[in-house]
């Protein structure tokens, strides 16, 4: 049954593919876009997380999708992702609209975190209370919880390392590790 539901999308993709031969520079409008609605699991959820019910996807492009509370937010999110893709990818490597193309997964850089690898491992276990976590230079305290504030983690860092990081409002872990390394009055916990 699932294969039959794909037929209209593949026909749209074929149409966009054929139309792409009449243009030299493709924009998001030239690609087949499908909108998917998924009802939230908990419609009464509170907190800083809002259910992102809508997804805008480029047909035949795994991993190229945007999410939003509304259809337009999902499309705007997809547009930003698509524009970043175009900015970092040379024009000849852009996939033709409608064609199947699977982008390789790339991970964020972890060069700053690698300078603090032992601290990062210890921090993951003692502060985040996780057995392990993959942390990049753009990872944040916010990535590891759903609370309204980072206060619990700020207090734990102050308790364990004797350092106040509450002014690092974005919660960037690389910045926190730099602060702990340069200002810590206590040695790291063994």
N, C-alpha and C. Protein backbone atom coordinates (compact mmCIF):
# COMPACT_ATOMS: atom_id res chain seq x y z
N UNK A 1 0.82 -1.20 0.00
CA UNK A 1 0.00 0.00 0.00
C UNK A 1 0.86 1.26 0.00
N UNK A 2 1.96 1.26 0.77
CA UNK A 2 2.82 2.44 0.88
C UNK A 2 3.40 2.83 -0.48
N UNK A 3 3.69 1.85 -1.32
CA UNK A 3 4.26 2.16 -2.64
C UNK A 3 3.26 2.92 -3.51
N UNK A 4 1.96 2.62 -3.37
CA UNK A 4 0.96 3.32 -4.16
C UNK A 4 0.82 4.78 -3.74
N UNK A 5 1.04 5.07 -2.47
CA UNK A 5 0.94 6.46 -2.01
C UNK A 5 2.12 7.29 -2.51
N UNK A 6 3.18 6.65 -2.94
CA UNK A 6 4.36 7.36 -3.45
C UNK A 6 4.21 7.75 -4.92
N UNK A 7 3.28 7.13 -5.62
CA UNK A 7 3.14 7.37 -7.07
C UNK A 7 2.92 8.85 -7.39
N UNK A 8 1.99 9.56 -6.72
CA UNK A 8 1.81 10.98 -7.05
C UNK A 8 3.09 11.80 -6.80
N UNK A 9 3.82 11.46 -5.75
CA UNK A 9 5.05 12.20 -5.45
C UNK A 9 6.12 11.93 -6.50
N UNK A 10 6.19 10.69 -6.97
CA UNK A 10 7.18 10.37 -7.98
C UNK A 10 6.81 10.99 -9.33
N UNK A 11 5.52 11.12 -9.60
CA UNK A 11 5.09 11.81 -10.82
C UNK A 11 5.45 13.29 -10.74
N UNK A 12 5.23 13.91 -9.57
CA UNK A 12 5.63 15.30 -9.39
C UNK A 12 7.15 15.44 -9.54
N UNK A 13 7.89 14.50 -8.97
CA UNK A 13 9.35 14.54 -9.08
C UNK A 13 9.78 14.42 -10.54
N UNK A 14 9.12 13.56 -11.30
CA UNK A 14 9.44 13.39 -12.72
C UNK A 14 9.16 14.69 -13.48
N UNK A 15 8.03 15.32 -13.17
CA UNK A 15 7.68 16.58 -13.82
C UNK A 15 8.73 17.65 -13.52
N UNK A 16 9.13 17.76 -12.26
CA UNK A 16 10.14 18.75 -11.87
C UNK A 16 11.49 18.44 -12.54
N UNK A 17 11.80 17.17 -12.68
CA UNK A 17 13.05 16.75 -13.31
C UNK A 17 13.05 17.19 -14.78
N UNK A 18 11.94 16.92 -15.48
CA UNK A 18 11.84 17.32 -16.88
C UNK A 18 11.91 18.84 -17.02
N UNK A 19 11.21 19.56 -16.16
CA UNK A 19 11.20 21.02 -16.22
C UNK A 19 12.58 21.61 -15.92
N UNK A 20 13.39 20.89 -15.17
CA UNK A 20 14.72 21.41 -14.78
C UNK A 20 15.65 21.55 -15.98
N UNK A 21 15.37 20.88 -17.08
CA UNK A 21 16.22 20.98 -18.27
C UNK A 21 16.03 22.31 -19.00
N UNK A 22 14.99 23.06 -18.63
CA UNK A 22 14.73 24.34 -19.27
C UNK A 22 15.23 25.52 -18.44
N UNK A 23 15.95 25.23 -17.37
CA UNK A 23 16.52 26.28 -16.50
C UNK A 23 17.97 25.96 -16.21
N UNK A 24 18.74 27.00 -15.92
CA UNK A 24 20.14 26.79 -15.56
C UNK A 24 20.39 26.91 -14.06
N UNK A 25 19.60 27.72 -13.39
CA UNK A 25 19.82 27.97 -11.97
C UNK A 25 18.56 27.58 -11.20
N UNK A 26 18.64 26.54 -10.38
CA UNK A 26 17.46 26.03 -9.68
C UNK A 26 17.32 26.68 -8.30
N UNK A 27 16.08 26.95 -7.96
CA UNK A 27 15.76 27.45 -6.62
C UNK A 27 14.90 26.39 -5.94
N UNK A 28 14.54 26.64 -4.70
CA UNK A 28 13.72 25.68 -3.96
C UNK A 28 12.39 25.41 -4.68
N UNK A 29 11.85 26.42 -5.35
CA UNK A 29 10.57 26.26 -6.07
C UNK A 29 10.66 25.23 -7.20
N UNK A 30 11.88 24.97 -7.67
CA UNK A 30 12.05 24.02 -8.77
C UNK A 30 12.05 22.57 -8.29
N UNK A 31 12.12 22.36 -6.98
CA UNK A 31 12.17 21.01 -6.43
C UNK A 31 10.78 20.57 -5.97
N UNK A 32 10.46 19.29 -6.07
CA UNK A 32 9.16 18.81 -5.60
C UNK A 32 9.15 18.80 -4.07
N UNK A 33 8.16 19.46 -3.49
CA UNK A 33 8.07 19.57 -2.03
C UNK A 33 6.78 18.91 -1.56
N UNK A 34 6.93 18.11 -0.52
CA UNK A 34 5.78 17.43 0.08
C UNK A 34 5.66 17.91 1.53
N UNK A 35 4.43 18.15 1.97
CA UNK A 35 4.17 18.53 3.35
C UNK A 35 3.57 17.34 4.08
N UNK A 36 4.06 17.09 5.27
CA UNK A 36 3.57 15.99 6.09
C UNK A 36 3.14 16.56 7.44
N UNK A 37 1.94 16.16 7.87
CA UNK A 37 1.45 16.58 9.18
C UNK A 37 1.45 15.38 10.12
N UNK A 38 2.02 15.58 11.29
CA UNK A 38 2.00 14.54 12.33
C UNK A 38 1.42 15.17 13.59
N UNK A 39 0.35 14.59 14.09
CA UNK A 39 -0.28 15.12 15.30
C UNK A 39 0.68 14.99 16.47
N UNK A 40 0.72 15.99 17.35
CA UNK A 40 1.62 15.90 18.51
C UNK A 40 1.19 14.78 19.45
N UNK A 41 2.19 14.16 20.09
CA UNK A 41 1.89 13.08 21.04
C UNK A 41 1.12 13.61 22.24
N UNK A 42 1.53 14.78 22.74
CA UNK A 42 0.89 15.37 23.91
C UNK A 42 0.45 16.79 23.55
N UNK A 43 -0.80 16.98 23.16
CA UNK A 43 -1.24 18.32 22.73
C UNK A 43 -1.22 19.35 23.85
N UNK A 44 -1.10 18.92 25.08
CA UNK A 44 -1.10 19.85 26.21
C UNK A 44 0.30 20.04 26.78
N UNK A 45 1.33 19.71 26.00
CA UNK A 45 2.69 19.83 26.51
C UNK A 45 3.01 21.28 26.81
N UNK A 46 3.74 21.47 27.87
CA UNK A 46 4.14 22.82 28.25
C UNK A 46 5.66 22.89 28.23
N UNK A 47 6.18 24.04 28.53
CA UNK A 47 7.62 24.20 28.53
C UNK A 47 8.09 24.89 27.28
N UNK A 48 9.38 24.91 27.10
CA UNK A 48 9.94 25.64 25.98
C UNK A 48 9.83 24.88 24.67
N UNK A 49 9.53 23.59 24.73
CA UNK A 49 9.40 22.80 23.51
C UNK A 49 7.96 22.84 23.03
N UNK A 50 7.77 23.22 21.79
CA UNK A 50 6.46 23.22 21.17
C UNK A 50 6.45 22.11 20.12
N UNK A 51 5.36 21.39 19.99
CA UNK A 51 5.33 20.31 19.00
C UNK A 51 5.44 20.87 17.57
N UNK A 52 6.37 20.33 16.82
CA UNK A 52 6.55 20.72 15.42
C UNK A 52 5.79 19.71 14.58
N UNK A 53 4.55 20.04 14.30
CA UNK A 53 3.64 19.10 13.64
C UNK A 53 3.87 18.99 12.14
N UNK A 54 4.40 20.04 11.52
CA UNK A 54 4.53 20.05 10.06
C UNK A 54 5.96 19.81 9.63
N UNK A 55 6.11 19.05 8.56
CA UNK A 55 7.41 18.86 7.94
C UNK A 55 7.28 19.16 6.45
N UNK A 56 8.24 19.91 5.92
CA UNK A 56 8.33 20.16 4.48
C UNK A 56 9.55 19.40 3.99
N UNK A 57 9.37 18.51 3.03
CA UNK A 57 10.45 17.66 2.53
C UNK A 57 10.61 17.85 1.03
N UNK A 58 11.86 17.78 0.58
CA UNK A 58 12.09 17.70 -0.86
C UNK A 58 11.99 16.22 -1.22
N UNK A 59 11.10 15.92 -2.15
CA UNK A 59 10.89 14.53 -2.57
C UNK A 59 12.20 13.96 -3.12
N UNK A 60 12.51 12.74 -2.71
CA UNK A 60 13.70 11.99 -3.12
C UNK A 60 15.00 12.51 -2.49
N UNK A 61 14.91 13.37 -1.51
CA UNK A 61 16.09 13.91 -0.83
C UNK A 61 16.03 13.54 0.64
N UNK A 62 16.62 12.44 1.02
CA UNK A 62 16.65 12.06 2.44
C UNK A 62 17.45 13.09 3.21
N UNK A 63 16.91 13.51 4.33
CA UNK A 63 17.61 14.45 5.18
C UNK A 63 17.42 15.91 4.80
N UNK A 64 16.68 16.19 3.76
CA UNK A 64 16.45 17.58 3.35
C UNK A 64 15.01 17.91 3.68
N UNK A 65 14.80 18.35 4.94
CA UNK A 65 13.46 18.68 5.38
C UNK A 65 13.49 19.74 6.47
N UNK A 66 12.42 20.49 6.56
CA UNK A 66 12.30 21.51 7.59
C UNK A 66 11.05 21.25 8.42
N UNK A 67 11.09 21.68 9.67
CA UNK A 67 9.99 21.45 10.59
C UNK A 67 9.43 22.76 11.11
N UNK A 68 8.16 22.75 11.49
CA UNK A 68 7.55 23.94 12.05
C UNK A 68 6.22 23.65 12.69
N UNK A 69 5.74 24.62 13.44
CA UNK A 69 4.43 24.51 14.07
C UNK A 69 3.34 24.65 13.00
N UNK A 70 3.64 25.45 11.97
CA UNK A 70 2.71 25.63 10.86
C UNK A 70 3.39 25.16 9.57
N UNK A 71 2.59 25.05 8.51
CA UNK A 71 3.13 24.68 7.20
C UNK A 71 4.16 25.70 6.73
N UNK A 72 3.85 26.98 6.92
CA UNK A 72 4.77 28.04 6.47
C UNK A 72 6.08 28.03 7.25
N UNK A 73 6.02 27.75 8.55
CA UNK A 73 7.25 27.65 9.34
C UNK A 73 8.11 26.49 8.85
N UNK A 74 7.47 25.38 8.52
CA UNK A 74 8.20 24.22 8.00
C UNK A 74 8.85 24.57 6.67
N UNK A 75 8.13 25.28 5.80
CA UNK A 75 8.68 25.68 4.51
C UNK A 75 9.84 26.67 4.70
N UNK A 76 9.69 27.62 5.62
CA UNK A 76 10.78 28.57 5.90
C UNK A 76 12.01 27.84 6.43
N UNK A 77 11.80 26.86 7.31
CA UNK A 77 12.91 26.06 7.84
C UNK A 77 13.62 25.30 6.71
N UNK A 78 12.83 24.69 5.82
CA UNK A 78 13.40 23.99 4.67
C UNK A 78 14.17 24.95 3.77
N UNK A 79 13.62 26.14 3.56
CA UNK A 79 14.28 27.14 2.71
C UNK A 79 15.66 27.49 3.27
N UNK A 80 15.76 27.68 4.57
CA UNK A 80 17.06 28.01 5.20
C UNK A 80 18.05 26.87 5.02
N UNK A 81 17.60 25.64 5.22
CA UNK A 81 18.47 24.48 5.06
C UNK A 81 18.92 24.37 3.61
N UNK A 82 18.00 24.57 2.68
CA UNK A 82 18.31 24.49 1.25
C UNK A 82 19.32 25.58 0.85
N UNK A 83 19.13 26.79 1.35
CA UNK A 83 20.05 27.88 1.03
C UNK A 83 21.45 27.62 1.59
N UNK A 84 21.52 27.03 2.79
CA UNK A 84 22.85 26.67 3.34
C UNK A 84 23.50 25.60 2.46
N UNK A 85 22.71 24.63 2.01
CA UNK A 85 23.23 23.59 1.13
C UNK A 85 23.79 24.21 -0.15
N UNK A 86 23.03 25.13 -0.76
CA UNK A 86 23.48 25.76 -2.00
C UNK A 86 24.74 26.60 -1.76
N UNK A 87 24.83 27.26 -0.62
CA UNK A 87 25.98 28.13 -0.33
C UNK A 87 27.27 27.32 -0.16
N UNK A 88 27.16 26.11 0.37
CA UNK A 88 28.38 25.33 0.64
C UNK A 88 28.70 24.29 -0.45
N UNK A 89 27.81 24.15 -1.42
CA UNK A 89 28.00 23.14 -2.46
C UNK A 89 28.21 23.81 -3.81
N UNK A 90 29.29 23.45 -4.50
CA UNK A 90 29.50 24.03 -5.84
C UNK A 90 28.33 23.70 -6.77
N UNK A 91 27.99 24.63 -7.62
CA UNK A 91 26.83 24.51 -8.51
C UNK A 91 26.78 23.20 -9.30
N UNK A 92 27.87 22.72 -9.86
CA UNK A 92 27.76 21.47 -10.64
C UNK A 92 27.36 20.26 -9.79
N UNK A 93 27.51 20.34 -8.47
CA UNK A 93 27.18 19.21 -7.61
C UNK A 93 25.75 19.25 -7.09
N UNK A 94 24.98 20.28 -7.43
CA UNK A 94 23.59 20.32 -7.00
C UNK A 94 22.82 19.21 -7.69
N UNK A 95 22.00 18.50 -6.97
CA UNK A 95 21.20 17.46 -7.62
C UNK A 95 20.10 18.10 -8.48
N UNK A 96 19.85 17.49 -9.61
CA UNK A 96 18.79 17.97 -10.49
C UNK A 96 17.45 17.79 -9.76
N UNK A 97 16.57 18.79 -9.82
CA UNK A 97 15.25 18.65 -9.18
C UNK A 97 14.56 17.36 -9.62
N UNK A 98 13.99 16.67 -8.64
CA UNK A 98 13.26 15.43 -8.91
C UNK A 98 14.12 14.18 -8.91
N UNK A 99 15.44 14.34 -9.04
CA UNK A 99 16.30 13.15 -9.07
C UNK A 99 16.51 12.63 -7.65
N UNK A 100 16.86 11.36 -7.56
CA UNK A 100 17.16 10.77 -6.26
C UNK A 100 18.59 11.14 -5.91
N UNK A 101 18.75 11.59 -4.68
CA UNK A 101 20.06 12.02 -4.22
C UNK A 101 20.10 11.85 -2.73
N UNK A 102 21.07 11.13 -2.23
CA UNK A 102 21.21 10.94 -0.80
C UNK A 102 22.46 11.65 -0.33
N UNK A 103 22.25 12.64 0.52
CA UNK A 103 23.36 13.41 1.04
C UNK A 103 24.01 12.64 2.18
N UNK A 104 25.33 12.66 2.22
CA UNK A 104 26.04 12.01 3.30
C UNK A 104 25.85 12.80 4.58
N UNK A 105 25.77 12.10 5.69
CA UNK A 105 25.65 12.75 6.98
C UNK A 105 27.02 13.29 7.37
N UNK A 106 27.06 14.54 7.78
CA UNK A 106 28.30 15.12 8.26
C UNK A 106 28.10 15.58 9.70
N UNK A 107 29.15 15.45 10.48
CA UNK A 107 29.08 15.83 11.88
C UNK A 107 29.74 17.19 12.07
N UNK A 108 29.27 17.90 13.06
CA UNK A 108 29.84 19.21 13.38
C UNK A 108 31.28 19.03 13.88
N UNK A 109 32.06 20.06 13.72
CA UNK A 109 33.46 20.04 14.14
C UNK A 109 33.54 19.93 15.66
N UNK A 110 34.55 19.21 16.14
CA UNK A 110 34.75 19.05 17.58
C UNK A 110 36.18 19.40 17.98
N UNK A 111 36.82 20.33 17.26
CA UNK A 111 38.22 20.68 17.53
C UNK A 111 38.40 21.28 18.92
N UNK A 112 37.51 22.20 19.32
CA UNK A 112 37.63 22.80 20.65
C UNK A 112 37.34 21.77 21.74
N UNK A 113 36.36 20.93 21.51
CA UNK A 113 36.02 19.89 22.49
C UNK A 113 37.18 18.92 22.63
N UNK A 114 37.85 18.58 21.52
CA UNK A 114 38.98 17.65 21.58
C UNK A 114 40.10 18.17 22.48
N UNK A 115 40.22 19.47 22.64
CA UNK A 115 41.23 20.05 23.54
C UNK A 115 40.88 19.76 25.00
N UNK A 116 39.64 19.41 25.25
CA UNK A 116 39.16 19.15 26.61
C UNK A 116 38.53 17.76 26.70
N UNK A 117 39.06 16.80 25.99
CA UNK A 117 38.41 15.48 25.88
C UNK A 117 38.19 14.83 27.25
N UNK A 118 39.21 14.84 28.14
CA UNK A 118 39.03 14.22 29.46
C UNK A 118 37.96 14.96 30.27
N UNK A 119 38.00 16.28 30.23
CA UNK A 119 36.99 17.07 30.93
C UNK A 119 35.61 16.79 30.34
N UNK A 120 35.52 16.69 29.02
CA UNK A 120 34.23 16.43 28.36
C UNK A 120 33.65 15.09 28.82
N UNK A 121 34.48 14.08 28.91
CA UNK A 121 34.01 12.76 29.36
C UNK A 121 33.54 12.81 30.81
N UNK A 122 34.33 13.47 31.65
CA UNK A 122 33.97 13.61 33.05
C UNK A 122 32.68 14.42 33.21
N UNK A 123 32.59 15.53 32.49
CA UNK A 123 31.43 16.42 32.53
C UNK A 123 30.17 15.68 32.13
N UNK A 124 30.28 14.87 31.09
CA UNK A 124 29.13 14.10 30.61
C UNK A 124 28.58 13.21 31.71
N UNK A 125 29.47 12.56 32.45
CA UNK A 125 29.04 11.64 33.50
C UNK A 125 28.60 12.37 34.77
N UNK A 126 29.37 13.38 35.19
CA UNK A 126 29.11 14.02 36.49
C UNK A 126 28.07 15.13 36.43
N UNK A 127 28.02 15.90 35.35
CA UNK A 127 27.09 17.02 35.26
C UNK A 127 25.83 16.63 34.48
N UNK A 128 26.02 16.07 33.30
CA UNK A 128 24.87 15.69 32.49
C UNK A 128 24.23 14.38 32.96
N UNK A 129 24.99 13.64 33.78
CA UNK A 129 24.54 12.36 34.33
C UNK A 129 24.16 11.36 33.23
N UNK A 130 25.04 11.30 32.22
CA UNK A 130 24.88 10.36 31.12
C UNK A 130 26.13 9.48 31.05
N UNK A 131 25.98 8.23 30.63
CA UNK A 131 27.18 7.38 30.53
C UNK A 131 28.13 7.84 29.42
N UNK A 132 27.58 8.45 28.36
CA UNK A 132 28.40 8.98 27.27
C UNK A 132 27.53 9.93 26.44
N UNK A 133 28.18 10.76 25.66
CA UNK A 133 27.47 11.65 24.73
C UNK A 133 28.46 12.12 23.69
N UNK A 134 27.98 12.26 22.46
CA UNK A 134 28.83 12.86 21.42
C UNK A 134 28.63 14.36 21.51
N UNK A 135 29.73 15.07 21.73
CA UNK A 135 29.68 16.52 21.91
C UNK A 135 30.52 17.18 20.83
N UNK A 136 29.97 18.20 20.18
CA UNK A 136 30.71 18.96 19.17
C UNK A 136 30.95 20.37 19.68
N UNK A 137 31.64 21.18 18.89
CA UNK A 137 31.92 22.56 19.26
C UNK A 137 30.65 23.41 19.36
N UNK A 138 29.56 22.96 18.78
CA UNK A 138 28.31 23.72 18.85
C UNK A 138 27.30 23.11 19.82
N UNK A 139 27.68 22.05 20.52
CA UNK A 139 26.78 21.44 21.50
C UNK A 139 26.55 22.38 22.67
N UNK A 140 25.38 22.26 23.25
CA UNK A 140 24.95 23.16 24.31
C UNK A 140 24.31 22.38 25.45
N UNK A 141 24.30 22.96 26.63
CA UNK A 141 23.57 22.35 27.74
C UNK A 141 22.11 22.12 27.34
N UNK A 142 21.58 23.05 26.54
CA UNK A 142 20.18 22.96 26.13
C UNK A 142 19.89 21.67 25.35
N UNK A 143 20.92 21.08 24.74
CA UNK A 143 20.72 19.87 23.95
C UNK A 143 20.44 18.64 24.81
N UNK A 144 20.67 18.75 26.12
CA UNK A 144 20.63 17.57 26.97
C UNK A 144 19.49 17.56 27.99
N UNK A 145 18.55 18.48 27.87
CA UNK A 145 17.42 18.48 28.80
C UNK A 145 16.25 19.26 28.19
N UNK A 146 15.11 19.19 28.86
CA UNK A 146 13.93 19.89 28.39
C UNK A 146 13.43 20.93 29.37
N UNK A 147 14.22 21.25 30.39
CA UNK A 147 13.80 22.23 31.39
C UNK A 147 13.79 23.64 30.81
N UNK A 148 13.16 24.55 31.53
CA UNK A 148 13.05 25.95 31.10
C UNK A 148 14.37 26.71 31.24
N UNK A 149 15.23 26.27 32.17
CA UNK A 149 16.51 26.96 32.40
C UNK A 149 17.63 25.94 32.56
N UNK A 150 18.85 26.44 32.55
CA UNK A 150 20.03 25.61 32.80
C UNK A 150 20.47 25.69 34.25
N UNK A 151 19.67 26.25 35.13
CA UNK A 151 20.07 26.52 36.50
C UNK A 151 20.58 25.28 37.22
N UNK A 152 19.91 24.16 37.07
CA UNK A 152 20.34 22.92 37.72
C UNK A 152 21.78 22.58 37.32
N UNK A 153 22.11 22.76 36.06
CA UNK A 153 23.45 22.43 35.57
C UNK A 153 24.46 23.49 36.01
N UNK A 154 24.05 24.74 36.04
CA UNK A 154 24.94 25.80 36.52
C UNK A 154 25.35 25.54 37.97
N UNK A 155 24.37 25.14 38.79
CA UNK A 155 24.66 24.85 40.20
C UNK A 155 25.58 23.64 40.33
N UNK A 156 25.35 22.64 39.52
CA UNK A 156 26.19 21.43 39.57
C UNK A 156 27.62 21.77 39.14
N UNK A 157 27.80 22.58 38.12
CA UNK A 157 29.13 22.99 37.65
C UNK A 157 29.83 23.80 38.73
N UNK A 158 29.10 24.71 39.37
CA UNK A 158 29.67 25.52 40.44
C UNK A 158 30.11 24.63 41.60
N UNK A 159 29.29 23.64 41.93
CA UNK A 159 29.59 22.71 43.01
C UNK A 159 30.81 21.84 42.69
N UNK A 160 30.86 21.31 41.49
CA UNK A 160 31.93 20.38 41.13
C UNK A 160 33.25 21.06 40.76
N UNK A 161 33.16 22.21 40.06
CA UNK A 161 34.37 22.83 39.53
C UNK A 161 34.69 24.19 40.14
N UNK A 162 33.78 24.73 40.96
CA UNK A 162 34.02 26.03 41.57
C UNK A 162 34.03 27.17 40.57
N UNK A 163 33.25 27.02 39.51
CA UNK A 163 33.22 28.02 38.43
C UNK A 163 31.77 28.39 38.14
N UNK A 164 31.52 29.70 37.97
CA UNK A 164 30.20 30.17 37.60
C UNK A 164 30.14 30.32 36.08
N UNK A 165 29.22 29.61 35.44
CA UNK A 165 29.07 29.70 33.99
C UNK A 165 27.67 30.20 33.61
N UNK A 166 26.95 30.77 34.59
CA UNK A 166 25.58 31.19 34.33
C UNK A 166 25.49 32.32 33.30
N UNK A 167 26.60 33.04 33.07
CA UNK A 167 26.58 34.11 32.07
C UNK A 167 26.74 33.58 30.64
N UNK A 168 27.05 32.30 30.49
CA UNK A 168 27.13 31.68 29.15
C UNK A 168 25.71 31.20 28.84
N UNK A 169 24.87 32.15 28.44
CA UNK A 169 23.43 31.89 28.31
C UNK A 169 23.08 30.91 27.20
N UNK A 170 23.94 30.82 26.17
CA UNK A 170 23.64 29.86 25.11
C UNK A 170 24.02 28.45 25.53
N UNK A 171 24.69 28.29 26.67
CA UNK A 171 25.04 26.97 27.19
C UNK A 171 26.08 26.23 26.39
N UNK A 172 26.83 26.92 25.51
CA UNK A 172 27.82 26.27 24.66
C UNK A 172 28.85 25.52 25.50
N UNK A 173 28.96 24.22 25.29
CA UNK A 173 29.83 23.39 26.12
C UNK A 173 31.31 23.68 25.88
N UNK A 174 31.70 24.02 24.68
CA UNK A 174 33.11 24.35 24.42
C UNK A 174 33.51 25.58 25.24
N UNK A 175 32.63 26.59 25.29
CA UNK A 175 32.90 27.78 26.09
C UNK A 175 32.93 27.45 27.58
N UNK A 176 32.03 26.59 28.01
CA UNK A 176 32.00 26.18 29.42
C UNK A 176 33.28 25.43 29.77
N UNK A 177 33.73 24.54 28.90
CA UNK A 177 34.97 23.79 29.17
C UNK A 177 36.17 24.73 29.22
N UNK A 178 36.20 25.73 28.33
CA UNK A 178 37.28 26.73 28.37
C UNK A 178 37.28 27.43 29.72
N UNK A 179 36.12 27.84 30.18
CA UNK A 179 36.01 28.55 31.46
C UNK A 179 36.46 27.66 32.61
N UNK A 180 36.00 26.42 32.62
CA UNK A 180 36.37 25.50 33.69
C UNK A 180 37.88 25.30 33.69
N UNK A 181 38.48 25.13 32.52
CA UNK A 181 39.92 24.89 32.41
C UNK A 181 40.76 26.06 32.87
N UNK A 182 40.29 27.28 32.58
CA UNK A 182 41.11 28.46 32.91
C UNK A 182 40.81 29.05 34.27
N UNK A 183 39.60 28.85 34.81
CA UNK A 183 39.24 29.50 36.07
C UNK A 183 39.01 28.56 37.24
N UNK A 184 39.06 27.30 37.01
CA UNK A 184 38.70 26.35 38.06
C UNK A 184 39.63 26.49 39.26
N UNK A 185 39.02 26.66 40.44
CA UNK A 185 39.80 26.72 41.65
C UNK A 185 39.97 25.33 42.26
N UNK A 186 39.19 24.38 41.78
CA UNK A 186 39.29 23.01 42.23
C UNK A 186 39.83 22.14 41.09
N UNK A 187 40.60 21.14 41.40
CA UNK A 187 40.99 20.22 40.31
C UNK A 187 39.77 19.41 39.89
N UNK A 188 39.77 18.92 38.64
CA UNK A 188 38.64 18.09 38.20
C UNK A 188 38.43 16.91 39.11
N UNK A 189 37.20 16.47 39.23
CA UNK A 189 36.84 15.34 40.07
C UNK A 189 37.39 14.07 39.46
N UNK A 190 37.92 13.21 40.29
CA UNK A 190 38.47 11.92 39.81
C UNK A 190 37.42 10.86 39.88
